[in-house]
Amino acid sequence: TDTYADSVKGRFTISRDNARNAVILQMNSLKPEDTATYYCN
């Protein structure tokens, strides 16, 4: 079950690799306003 900020809906996809306890963020159609430091939580 996933949730997205409105600003990234349709462009970003979050997924899990439960075997590794990993989370992936695929970011497409990136915009200059996406510039930031990204933190996993």
PDB file of all heavy atoms in Angstrom:
ATOM      1  N   THR A   1       0.852  -1.195   0.000  1.00  0.00           N
ATOM      2  CA  THR A   1       0.000   0.000   0.000  1.00  0.00           C
ATOM      3  C   THR A   1       0.883   1.237   0.000  1.00  0.00           C
ATOM      4  O   THR A   1       1.756   1.384   0.856  1.00  0.00           O
ATOM      5  CB  THR A   1      -0.903   0.010   1.236  1.00  0.00           C
ATOM      6  OG1 THR A   1      -1.714  -1.167   1.230  1.00  0.00           O
ATOM      7  CG2 THR A   1      -1.805   1.237   1.215  1.00  0.00           C
ATOM      8  N   ASP A   2       0.662   2.130  -0.974  1.00  0.00           N
ATOM      9  CA  ASP A   2       1.549   3.283  -1.114  1.00  0.00           C
ATOM     10  C   ASP A   2       0.782   4.605  -1.101  1.00  0.00           C
ATOM     11  O   ASP A   2      -0.424   4.654  -1.348  1.00  0.00           O
ATOM     12  CB  ASP A   2       2.393   3.171  -2.385  1.00  0.00           C
ATOM     13  CG  ASP A   2       1.572   2.947  -3.648  1.00  0.00           C
ATOM     14  OD1 ASP A   2       0.366   3.264  -3.641  1.00  0.00           O
ATOM     15  OD2 ASP A   2       2.136   2.440  -4.630  1.00  0.00           O
ATOM     16  N   THR A   3       1.511   5.666  -0.786  1.00  0.00           N
ATOM     17  CA  THR A   3       0.982   7.029  -0.743  1.00  0.00           C
ATOM     18  C   THR A   3       2.016   7.944  -1.371  1.00  0.00           C
ATOM     19  O   THR A   3       3.214   7.754  -1.154  1.00  0.00           O
ATOM     20  CB  THR A   3       0.731   7.471   0.711  1.00  0.00           C
ATOM     21  OG1 THR A   3      -0.153   6.542   1.345  1.00  0.00           O
ATOM     22  CG2 THR A   3       0.108   8.859   0.758  1.00  0.00           C
ATOM     23  N   TYR A   4       1.533   8.951  -2.131  1.00  0.00           N
ATOM     24  CA  TYR A   4       2.435   9.891  -2.795  1.00  0.00           C
ATOM     25  C   TYR A   4       2.038  11.334  -2.502  1.00  0.00           C
ATOM     26  O   TYR A   4       0.848  11.641  -2.358  1.00  0.00           O
ATOM     27  CB  TYR A   4       2.411   9.689  -4.313  1.00  0.00           C
ATOM     28  CG  TYR A   4       2.920   8.357  -4.777  1.00  0.00           C
ATOM     29  CD1 TYR A   4       2.062   7.273  -4.935  1.00  0.00           C
ATOM     30  CD2 TYR A   4       4.277   8.173  -5.061  1.00  0.00           C
ATOM     31  CE1 TYR A   4       2.537   6.046  -5.352  1.00  0.00           C
ATOM     32  CE2 TYR A   4       4.754   6.941  -5.485  1.00  0.00           C
ATOM     33  CZ  TYR A   4       3.879   5.886  -5.628  1.00  0.00           C
ATOM     34  OH  TYR A   4       4.353   4.663  -6.046  1.00  0.00           O
ATOM     35  N   ALA A   5       3.024  12.193  -2.471  1.00  0.00           N
ATOM     36  CA  ALA A   5       2.749  13.621  -2.465  1.00  0.00           C
ATOM     37  C   ALA A   5       2.127  13.994  -3.812  1.00  0.00           C
ATOM     38  O   ALA A   5       2.481  13.414  -4.850  1.00  0.00           O
ATOM     39  CB  ALA A   5       4.037  14.408  -2.248  1.00  0.00           C
ATOM     40  N   ASP A   6       1.223  14.948  -3.804  1.00  0.00           N
ATOM     41  CA  ASP A   6       0.557  15.353  -5.048  1.00  0.00           C
ATOM     42  C   ASP A   6       1.564  15.791  -6.104  1.00  0.00           C
ATOM     43  O   ASP A   6       1.363  15.565  -7.301  1.00  0.00           O
ATOM     44  CB  ASP A   6      -0.437  16.493  -4.775  1.00  0.00           C
ATOM     45  CG  ASP A   6      -1.662  16.025  -4.020  1.00  0.00           C
ATOM     46  OD1 ASP A   6      -1.923  14.805  -3.983  1.00  0.00           O
ATOM     47  OD2 ASP A   6      -2.369  16.887  -3.457  1.00  0.00           O
ATOM     48  N   SER A   7       2.654  16.400  -5.672  1.00  0.00           N
ATOM     49  CA  SER A   7       3.632  16.948  -6.608  1.00  0.00           C
ATOM     50  C   SER A   7       4.387  15.883  -7.391  1.00  0.00           C
ATOM     51  O   SER A   7       5.012  16.198  -8.415  1.00  0.00           O
ATOM     52  CB  SER A   7       4.630  17.841  -5.865  1.00  0.00           C
ATOM     53  OG  SER A   7       5.306  17.095  -4.868  1.00  0.00           O
ATOM     54  N   VAL A   8       4.350  14.635  -6.939  1.00  0.00           N
ATOM     55  CA  VAL A   8       5.109  13.579  -7.622  1.00  0.00           C
ATOM     56  C   VAL A   8       4.226  12.490  -8.201  1.00  0.00           C
ATOM     57  O   VAL A   8       4.722  11.585  -8.883  1.00  0.00           O
ATOM     58  CB  VAL A   8       6.167  12.956  -6.682  1.00  0.00           C
ATOM     59  CG1 VAL A   8       7.057  14.033  -6.078  1.00  0.00           C
ATOM     60  CG2 VAL A   8       5.524  12.100  -5.610  1.00  0.00           C
ATOM     61  N   LYS A   9       2.921  12.555  -7.966  1.00  0.00           N
ATOM     62  CA  LYS A   9       2.020  11.528  -8.480  1.00  0.00           C
ATOM     63  C   LYS A   9       2.127  11.430  -9.995  1.00  0.00           C
ATOM     64  O   LYS A   9       2.150  12.430 -10.698  1.00  0.00           O
ATOM     65  CB  LYS A   9       0.576  11.855  -8.078  1.00  0.00           C
ATOM     66  CG  LYS A   9       0.242  11.517  -6.645  1.00  0.00           C
ATOM     67  CD  LYS A   9      -1.219  11.844  -6.330  1.00  0.00           C
ATOM     68  CE  LYS A   9      -1.546  11.529  -4.880  1.00  0.00           C
ATOM     69  NZ  LYS A   9      -2.934  11.906  -4.534  1.00  0.00           N
ATOM     70  N   GLY A  10       2.194  10.196 -10.484  1.00  0.00           N
ATOM     71  CA  GLY A  10       2.303   9.971 -11.916  1.00  0.00           C
ATOM     72  C   GLY A  10       3.712  10.024 -12.455  1.00  0.00           C
ATOM     73  O   GLY A  10       3.956   9.650 -13.604  1.00  0.00           O
ATOM     74  N   ARG A  11       4.657  10.500 -11.637  1.00  0.00           N
ATOM     75  CA  ARG A  11       6.054  10.596 -12.079  1.00  0.00           C
ATOM     76  C   ARG A  11       6.974   9.685 -11.270  1.00  0.00           C
ATOM     77  O   ARG A  11       7.953   9.149 -11.791  1.00  0.00           O
ATOM     78  CB  ARG A  11       6.549  12.032 -11.962  1.00  0.00           C
ATOM     79  CG  ARG A  11       5.766  13.028 -12.782  1.00  0.00           C
ATOM     80  CD  ARG A  11       6.423  14.418 -12.762  1.00  0.00           C
ATOM     81  NE  ARG A  11       6.484  14.989 -11.419  1.00  0.00           N
ATOM     82  CZ  ARG A  11       7.610  15.353 -10.810  1.00  0.00           C
ATOM     83  NH1 ARG A  11       8.778  15.184 -11.413  1.00  0.00           N
ATOM     84  NH2 ARG A  11       7.569  15.899  -9.599  1.00  0.00           N
ATOM     85  N   PHE A  12       6.689   9.534  -9.981  1.00  0.00           N
ATOM     86  CA  PHE A  12       7.524   8.719  -9.095  1.00  0.00           C
ATOM     87  C   PHE A  12       6.792   7.436  -8.739  1.00  0.00           C
ATOM     88  O   PHE A  12       5.560   7.420  -8.605  1.00  0.00           O
ATOM     89  CB  PHE A  12       7.834   9.467  -7.798  1.00  0.00           C
ATOM     90  CG  PHE A  12       8.738  10.657  -7.928  1.00  0.00           C
ATOM     91  CD1 PHE A  12       9.092  11.176  -9.164  1.00  0.00           C
ATOM     92  CD2 PHE A  12       9.252  11.269  -6.798  1.00  0.00           C
ATOM     93  CE1 PHE A  12       9.931  12.278  -9.281  1.00  0.00           C
ATOM     94  CE2 PHE A  12      10.079  12.367  -6.882  1.00  0.00           C
ATOM     95  CZ  PHE A  12      10.412  12.877  -8.128  1.00  0.00           C
ATOM     96  N   THR A  13       7.559   6.365  -8.557  1.00  0.00           N
ATOM     97  CA  THR A  13       7.000   5.088  -8.122  1.00  0.00           C
ATOM     98  C   THR A  13       7.841   4.531  -6.988  1.00  0.00           C
ATOM     99  O   THR A  13       9.069   4.406  -7.125  1.00  0.00           O
ATOM    100  CB  THR A  13       6.961   4.075  -9.272  1.00  0.00           C
ATOM    101  OG1 THR A  13       6.191   4.609 -10.355  1.00  0.00           O
ATOM    102  CG2 THR A  13       6.324   2.770  -8.812  1.00  0.00           C
ATOM    103  N   ILE A  14       7.188   4.199  -5.881  1.00  0.00           N
ATOM    104  CA  ILE A  14       7.881   3.596  -4.742  1.00  0.00           C
ATOM    105  C   ILE A  14       7.584   2.107  -4.730  1.00  0.00           C
ATOM    106  O   ILE A  14       6.462   1.677  -5.053  1.00  0.00           O
ATOM    107  CB  ILE A  14       7.450   4.275  -3.418  1.00  0.00           C
ATOM    108  CG1 ILE A  14       8.359   3.845  -2.269  1.00  0.00           C
ATOM    109  CG2 ILE A  14       5.981   4.025  -3.103  1.00  0.00           C
ATOM    110  CD1 ILE A  14       8.162   4.655  -0.991  1.00  0.00           C
ATOM    111  N   SER A  15       8.585   1.315  -4.398  1.00  0.00           N
ATOM    112  CA  SER A  15       8.406  -0.132  -4.346  1.00  0.00           C
ATOM    113  C   SER A  15       9.266  -0.719  -3.231  1.00  0.00           C
ATOM    114  O   SER A  15      10.172  -0.049  -2.713  1.00  0.00           O
ATOM    115  CB  SER A  15       8.748  -0.769  -5.691  1.00  0.00           C
ATOM    116  OG  SER A  15      10.089  -0.517  -6.052  1.00  0.00           O
ATOM    117  N   ARG A  16       8.984  -1.951  -2.889  1.00  0.00           N
ATOM    118  CA  ARG A  16       9.702  -2.627  -1.804  1.00  0.00           C
ATOM    119  C   ARG A  16      10.362  -3.896  -2.310  1.00  0.00           C
ATOM    120  O   ARG A  16       9.855  -4.576  -3.212  1.00  0.00           O
ATOM    121  CB  ARG A  16       8.721  -3.005  -0.674  1.00  0.00           C
ATOM    122  CG  ARG A  16       8.171  -1.881   0.121  1.00  0.00           C
ATOM    123  CD  ARG A  16       9.219  -1.274   1.039  1.00  0.00           C
ATOM    124  NE  ARG A  16       9.788  -2.228   1.963  1.00  0.00           N
ATOM    125  CZ  ARG A  16       9.292  -2.471   3.170  1.00  0.00           C
ATOM    126  NH1 ARG A  16       8.205  -1.825   3.596  1.00  0.00           N
ATOM    127  NH2 ARG A  16       9.875  -3.340   3.976  1.00  0.00           N
ATOM    128  N   ASP A  17      11.500  -4.205  -1.700  1.00  0.00           N
ATOM    129  CA  ASP A  17      12.128  -5.517  -1.805  1.00  0.00           C
ATOM    130  C   ASP A  17      12.110  -6.062  -0.382  1.00  0.00           C
ATOM    131  O   ASP A  17      13.033  -5.813   0.392  1.00  0.00           O
ATOM    132  CB  ASP A  17      13.540  -5.394  -2.362  1.00  0.00           C
ATOM    133  CG  ASP A  17      14.238  -6.748  -2.474  1.00  0.00           C
ATOM    134  OD1 ASP A  17      13.744  -7.729  -1.889  1.00  0.00           O
ATOM    135  OD2 ASP A  17      15.280  -6.807  -3.137  1.00  0.00           O
ATOM    136  N   ASN A  18      11.045  -6.760  -0.030  1.00  0.00           N
ATOM    137  CA  ASN A  18      10.863  -7.173   1.357  1.00  0.00           C
ATOM    138  C   ASN A  18      11.956  -8.127   1.828  1.00  0.00           C
ATOM    139  O   ASN A  18      12.296  -8.147   3.011  1.00  0.00           O
ATOM    140  CB  ASN A  18       9.485  -7.811   1.537  1.00  0.00           C
ATOM    141  CG  ASN A  18       8.359  -6.783   1.455  1.00  0.00           C
ATOM    142  OD1 ASN A  18       8.533  -5.630   1.833  1.00  0.00           O
ATOM    143  ND2 ASN A  18       7.216  -7.204   0.950  1.00  0.00           N
ATOM    144  N   ALA A  19      12.530  -8.903   0.924  1.00  0.00           N
ATOM    145  CA  ALA A  19      13.573  -9.842   1.309  1.00  0.00           C
ATOM    146  C   ALA A  19      14.808  -9.119   1.858  1.00  0.00           C
ATOM    147  O   ALA A  19      15.516  -9.641   2.711  1.00  0.00           O
ATOM    148  CB  ALA A  19      13.954 -10.714   0.124  1.00  0.00           C
ATOM    149  N   ARG A  20      15.051  -7.901   1.343  1.00  0.00           N
ATOM    150  CA  ARG A  20      16.217  -7.114   1.789  1.00  0.00           C
ATOM    151  C   ARG A  20      15.811  -5.952   2.692  1.00  0.00           C
ATOM    152  O   ARG A  20      16.669  -5.153   3.074  1.00  0.00           O
ATOM    153  CB  ARG A  20      16.977  -6.562   0.581  1.00  0.00           C
ATOM    154  CG  ARG A  20      17.566  -7.602  -0.329  1.00  0.00           C
ATOM    155  CD  ARG A  20      18.541  -6.961  -1.308  1.00  0.00           C
ATOM    156  NE  ARG A  20      17.924  -5.952  -2.143  1.00  0.00           N
ATOM    157  CZ  ARG A  20      18.296  -4.671  -2.173  1.00  0.00           C
ATOM    158  NH1 ARG A  20      19.263  -4.229  -1.397  1.00  0.00           N
ATOM    159  NH2 ARG A  20      17.693  -3.814  -2.984  1.00  0.00           N
ATOM    160  N   ASN A  21      14.519  -5.860   3.014  1.00  0.00           N
ATOM    161  CA  ASN A  21      14.038  -4.689   3.757  1.00  0.00           C
ATOM    162  C   ASN A  21      14.410  -3.399   3.035  1.00  0.00           C
ATOM    163  O   ASN A  21      14.722  -2.386   3.669  1.00  0.00           O
ATOM    164  CB  ASN A  21      14.609  -4.649   5.186  1.00  0.00           C
ATOM    165  CG  ASN A  21      13.779  -5.449   6.169  1.00  0.00           C
ATOM    166  OD1 ASN A  21      12.555  -5.493   6.068  1.00  0.00           O
ATOM    167  ND2 ASN A  21      14.446  -6.095   7.107  1.00  0.00           N
ATOM    168  N   ALA A  22      14.377  -3.446   1.710  1.00  0.00           N
ATOM    169  CA  ALA A  22      14.793  -2.297   0.911  1.00  0.00           C
ATOM    170  C   ALA A  22      13.583  -1.572   0.343  1.00  0.00           C
ATOM    171  O   ALA A  22      12.514  -2.162   0.146  1.00  0.00           O
ATOM    172  CB  ALA A  22      15.701  -2.748  -0.224  1.00  0.00           C
ATOM    173  N   VAL A  23      13.776  -0.293   0.075  1.00  0.00           N
ATOM    174  CA  VAL A  23      12.748   0.510  -0.580  1.00  0.00           C
ATOM    175  C   VAL A  23      13.401   1.251  -1.740  1.00  0.00           C
ATOM    176  O   VAL A  23      14.534   1.726  -1.631  1.00  0.00           O
ATOM    177  CB  VAL A  23      12.084   1.488   0.409  1.00  0.00           C
ATOM    178  CG1 VAL A  23      13.067   2.474   1.006  1.00  0.00           C
ATOM    179  CG2 VAL A  23      10.915   2.217  -0.247  1.00  0.00           C
ATOM    180  N   ILE A  24      12.708   1.288  -2.867  1.00  0.00           N
ATOM    181  CA  ILE A  24      13.216   1.907  -4.086  1.00  0.00           C
ATOM    182  C   ILE A  24      12.288   3.032  -4.507  1.00  0.00           C
ATOM    183  O   ILE A  24      11.068   2.901  -4.405  1.00  0.00           O
ATOM    184  CB  ILE A  24      13.325   0.865  -5.220  1.00  0.00           C
ATOM    185  CG1 ILE A  24      14.353  -0.205  -4.832  1.00  0.00           C
ATOM    186  CG2 ILE A  24      13.736   1.509  -6.523  1.00  0.00           C
ATOM    187  CD1 ILE A  24      13.757  -1.449  -4.240  1.00  0.00           C
ATOM    188  N   LEU A  25      12.870   4.116  -4.978  1.00  0.00           N
ATOM    189  CA  LEU A  25      12.078   5.221  -5.519  1.00  0.00           C
ATOM    190  C   LEU A  25      12.538   5.458  -6.955  1.00  0.00           C
ATOM    191  O   LEU A  25      13.656   5.913  -7.186  1.00  0.00           O
ATOM    192  CB  LEU A  25      12.265   6.491  -4.681  1.00  0.00           C
ATOM    193  CG  LEU A  25      11.369   7.668  -5.078  1.00  0.00           C
ATOM    194  CD1 LEU A  25       9.904   7.349  -4.768  1.00  0.00           C
ATOM    195  CD2 LEU A  25      11.798   8.940  -4.357  1.00  0.00           C
ATOM    196  N   GLN A  26      11.671   5.132  -7.898  1.00  0.00           N
ATOM    197  CA  GLN A  26      11.932   5.390  -9.315  1.00  0.00           C
ATOM    198  C   GLN A  26      11.351   6.756  -9.643  1.00  0.00           C
ATOM    199  O   GLN A  26      10.145   6.969  -9.477  1.00  0.00           O
ATOM    200  CB  GLN A  26      11.297   4.314 -10.187  1.00  0.00           C
ATOM    201  CG  GLN A  26      11.480   4.545 -11.677  1.00  0.00           C
ATOM    202  CD  GLN A  26      12.923   4.439 -12.113  1.00  0.00           C
ATOM    203  OE1 GLN A  26      13.650   3.550 -11.680  1.00  0.00           O
ATOM    204  NE2 GLN A  26      13.350   5.355 -12.970  1.00  0.00           N
ATOM    205  N   MET A  27      12.205   7.660 -10.076  1.00  0.00           N
ATOM    206  CA  MET A  27      11.791   9.032 -10.357  1.00  0.00           C
ATOM    207  C   MET A  27      11.933   9.306 -11.842  1.00  0.00           C
ATOM    208  O   MET A  27      13.047   9.264 -12.377  1.00  0.00           O
ATOM    209  CB  MET A  27      12.641  10.019  -9.546  1.00  0.00           C
ATOM    210  CG  MET A  27      12.643   9.730  -8.049  1.00  0.00           C
ATOM    211  SD  MET A  27      13.517  10.975  -7.076  1.00  0.00           S
ATOM    212  CE  MET A  27      15.195  10.700  -7.662  1.00  0.00           C
ATOM    213  N   ASN A  28      10.826   9.557 -12.510  1.00  0.00           N
ATOM    214  CA  ASN A  28      10.806   9.855 -13.933  1.00  0.00           C
ATOM    215  C   ASN A  28      10.312  11.281 -14.156  1.00  0.00           C
ATOM    216  O   ASN A  28       9.718  11.895 -13.271  1.00  0.00           O
ATOM    217  CB  ASN A  28       9.903   8.867 -14.664  1.00  0.00           C
ATOM    218  CG  ASN A  28      10.372   7.439 -14.545  1.00  0.00           C
ATOM    219  OD1 ASN A  28      11.570   7.159 -14.471  1.00  0.00           O
ATOM    220  ND2 ASN A  28       9.427   6.505 -14.528  1.00  0.00           N
ATOM    221  N   SER A  29      10.543  11.776 -15.358  1.00  0.00           N
ATOM    222  CA  SER A  29      10.089  13.122 -15.730  1.00  0.00           C
ATOM    223  C   SER A  29      10.479  14.150 -14.667  1.00  0.00           C
ATOM    224  O   SER A  29       9.665  14.972 -14.236  1.00  0.00           O
ATOM    225  CB  SER A  29       8.566  13.137 -15.931  1.00  0.00           C
ATOM    226  OG  SER A  29       8.175  12.213 -16.926  1.00  0.00           O
ATOM    227  N   LEU A  30      11.720  14.105 -14.261  1.00  0.00           N
ATOM    228  CA  LEU A  30      12.191  14.973 -13.183  1.00  0.00           C
ATOM    229  C   LEU A  30      12.152  16.435 -13.591  1.00  0.00           C
ATOM    230  O   LEU A  30      12.361  16.795 -14.756  1.00  0.00           O
ATOM    231  CB  LEU A  30      13.606  14.576 -12.775  1.00  0.00           C
ATOM    232  CG  LEU A  30      13.669  13.329 -11.884  1.00  0.00           C
ATOM    233  CD1 LEU A  30      15.053  12.705 -11.903  1.00  0.00           C
ATOM    234  CD2 LEU A  30      13.255  13.679 -10.456  1.00  0.00           C
ATOM    235  N   LYS A  31      11.855  17.265 -12.595  1.00  0.00           N
ATOM    236  CA  LYS A  31      11.744  18.705 -12.795  1.00  0.00           C
ATOM    237  C   LYS A  31      12.763  19.408 -11.897  1.00  0.00           C
ATOM    238  O   LYS A  31      13.166  18.863 -10.864  1.00  0.00           O
ATOM    239  CB  LYS A  31      10.341  19.183 -12.412  1.00  0.00           C
ATOM    240  CG  LYS A  31       9.212  18.498 -13.154  1.00  0.00           C
ATOM    241  CD  LYS A  31       7.856  18.962 -12.622  1.00  0.00           C
ATOM    242  CE  LYS A  31       6.710  18.272 -13.344  1.00  0.00           C
ATOM    243  NZ  LYS A  31       5.388  18.726 -12.834  1.00  0.00           N
ATOM    244  N   PRO A  32      13.163  20.630 -12.248  1.00  0.00           N
ATOM    245  CA  PRO A  32      14.104  21.360 -11.380  1.00  0.00           C
ATOM    246  C   PRO A  32      13.596  21.489  -9.941  1.00  0.00           C
ATOM    247  O   PRO A  32      14.408  21.473  -9.004  1.00  0.00           O
ATOM    248  CB  PRO A  32      14.209  22.723 -12.061  1.00  0.00           C
ATOM    249  CG  PRO A  32      13.971  22.425 -13.513  1.00  0.00           C
ATOM    250  CD  PRO A  32      12.926  21.340 -13.518  1.00  0.00           C
ATOM    251  N   GLU A  33      12.292  21.575  -9.763  1.00  0.00           N
ATOM    252  CA  GLU A  33      11.755  21.702  -8.398  1.00  0.00           C
ATOM    253  C   GLU A  33      11.847  20.409  -7.598  1.00  0.00           C
ATOM    254  O   GLU A  33      11.538  20.401  -6.404  1.00  0.00           O
ATOM    255  CB  GLU A  33      10.295  22.195  -8.432  1.00  0.00           C
ATOM    256  CG  GLU A  33       9.378  21.433  -9.364  1.00  0.00           C
ATOM    257  CD  GLU A  33       9.229  22.099 -10.725  1.00  0.00           C
ATOM    258  OE1 GLU A  33      10.248  22.555 -11.296  1.00  0.00           O
ATOM    259  OE2 GLU A  33       8.079  22.134 -11.215  1.00  0.00           O
ATOM    260  N   ASP A  34      12.278  19.320  -8.216  1.00  0.00           N
ATOM    261  CA  ASP A  34      12.537  18.085  -7.483  1.00  0.00           C
ATOM    262  C   ASP A  34      13.919  18.091  -6.832  1.00  0.00           C
ATOM    263  O   ASP A  34      14.260  17.169  -6.083  1.00  0.00           O
ATOM    264  CB  ASP A  34      12.436  16.870  -8.421  1.00  0.00           C
ATOM    265  CG  ASP A  34      11.031  16.653  -8.952  1.00  0.00           C
ATOM    266  OD1 ASP A  34      10.070  16.789  -8.167  1.00  0.00           O
ATOM    267  OD2 ASP A  34      10.906  16.347 -10.159  1.00  0.00           O
ATOM    268  N   THR A  35      14.708  19.101  -7.133  1.00  0.00           N
ATOM    269  CA  THR A  35      16.046  19.204  -6.551  1.00  0.00           C
ATOM    270  C   THR A  35      15.969  19.304  -5.037  1.00  0.00           C
ATOM    271  O   THR A  35      15.270  20.167  -4.487  1.00  0.00           O
ATOM    272  CB  THR A  35      16.779  20.435  -7.117  1.00  0.00           C
ATOM    273  OG1 THR A  35      16.988  20.253  -8.516  1.00  0.00           O
ATOM    274  CG2 THR A  35      18.120  20.636  -6.420  1.00  0.00           C
ATOM    275  N   ALA A  36      16.642  18.390  -4.345  1.00  0.00           N
ATOM    276  CA  ALA A  36      16.610  18.330  -2.887  1.00  0.00           C
ATOM    277  C   ALA A  36      17.525  17.218  -2.414  1.00  0.00           C
ATOM    278  O   ALA A  36      18.033  16.425  -3.215  1.00  0.00           O
ATOM    279  CB  ALA A  36      15.182  18.054  -2.400  1.00  0.00           C
ATOM    280  N   THR A  37      17.709  17.157  -1.106  1.00  0.00           N
ATOM    281  CA  THR A  37      18.327  15.991  -0.497  1.00  0.00           C
ATOM    282  C   THR A  37      17.207  15.030  -0.129  1.00  0.00           C
ATOM    283  O   THR A  37      16.244  15.430   0.537  1.00  0.00           O
ATOM    284  CB  THR A  37      19.131  16.369   0.745  1.00  0.00           C
ATOM    285  OG1 THR A  37      20.133  17.324   0.386  1.00  0.00           O
ATOM    286  CG2 THR A  37      19.797  15.140   1.346  1.00  0.00           C
ATOM    287  N   TYR A  38      17.328  13.796  -0.567  1.00  0.00           N
ATOM    288  CA  TYR A  38      16.298  12.792  -0.348  1.00  0.00           C
ATOM    289  C   TYR A  38      16.734  11.866   0.788  1.00  0.00           C
ATOM    290  O   TYR A  38      17.868  11.369   0.798  1.00  0.00           O
ATOM    291  CB  TYR A  38      16.051  11.994  -1.631  1.00  0.00           C
ATOM    292  CG  TYR A  38      15.244  12.766  -2.644  1.00  0.00           C
ATOM    293  CD1 TYR A  38      15.778  13.882  -3.280  1.00  0.00           C
ATOM    294  CD2 TYR A  38      13.930  12.400  -2.938  1.00  0.00           C
ATOM    295  CE1 TYR A  38      15.031  14.618  -4.191  1.00  0.00           C
ATOM    296  CE2 TYR A  38      13.176  13.127  -3.862  1.00  0.00           C
ATOM    297  CZ  TYR A  38      13.730  14.228  -4.474  1.00  0.00           C
ATOM    298  OH  TYR A  38      12.980  14.956  -5.384  1.00  0.00           O
ATOM    299  N   TYR A  39      15.812  11.625   1.720  1.00  0.00           N
ATOM    300  CA  TYR A  39      16.086  10.822   2.905  1.00  0.00           C
ATOM    301  C   TYR A  39      15.141   9.626   2.959  1.00  0.00           C
ATOM    302  O   TYR A  39      13.926   9.765   2.775  1.00  0.00           O
ATOM    303  CB  TYR A  39      15.882  11.647   4.177  1.00  0.00           C
ATOM    304  CG  TYR A  39      16.809  12.814   4.319  1.00  0.00           C
ATOM    305  CD1 TYR A  39      16.460  14.066   3.826  1.00  0.00           C
ATOM    306  CD2 TYR A  39      18.048  12.680   4.947  1.00  0.00           C
ATOM    307  CE1 TYR A  39      17.299  15.158   3.966  1.00  0.00           C
ATOM    308  CE2 TYR A  39      18.897  13.768   5.096  1.00  0.00           C
ATOM    309  CZ  TYR A  39      18.511  14.999   4.590  1.00  0.00           C
ATOM    310  OH  TYR A  39      19.359  16.071   4.727  1.00  0.00           O
ATOM    311  N   CYS A  40      15.707   8.486   3.292  1.00  0.00           N
ATOM    312  CA  CYS A  40      14.930   7.277   3.520  1.00  0.00           C
ATOM    313  C   CYS A  40      14.522   7.238   4.991  1.00  0.00           C
ATOM    314  O   CYS A  40      15.271   7.681   5.866  1.00  0.00           O
ATOM    315  CB  CYS A  40      15.792   6.076   3.165  1.00  0.00           C
ATOM    316  SG  CYS A  40      15.009   4.498   3.400  1.00  0.00           S
ATOM    317  N   ASN A  41      13.360   6.680   5.263  1.00  0.00           N
ATOM    318  CA  ASN A  41      12.813   6.691   6.625  1.00  0.00           C
ATOM    319  C   ASN A  41      12.091   5.390   6.934  1.00  0.00           C
ATOM    320  O   ASN A  41      11.414   4.827   6.060  1.00  0.00           O
ATOM    321  CB  ASN A  41      11.854   7.878   6.758  1.00  0.00           C
ATOM    322  CG  ASN A  41      10.982   7.824   7.987  1.00  0.00           C
ATOM    323  OD1 ASN A  41       9.804   7.457   7.926  1.00  0.00           O
ATOM    324  ND2 ASN A  41      11.550   8.176   9.125  1.00  0.00           N
TER     325      ASN A  41
END
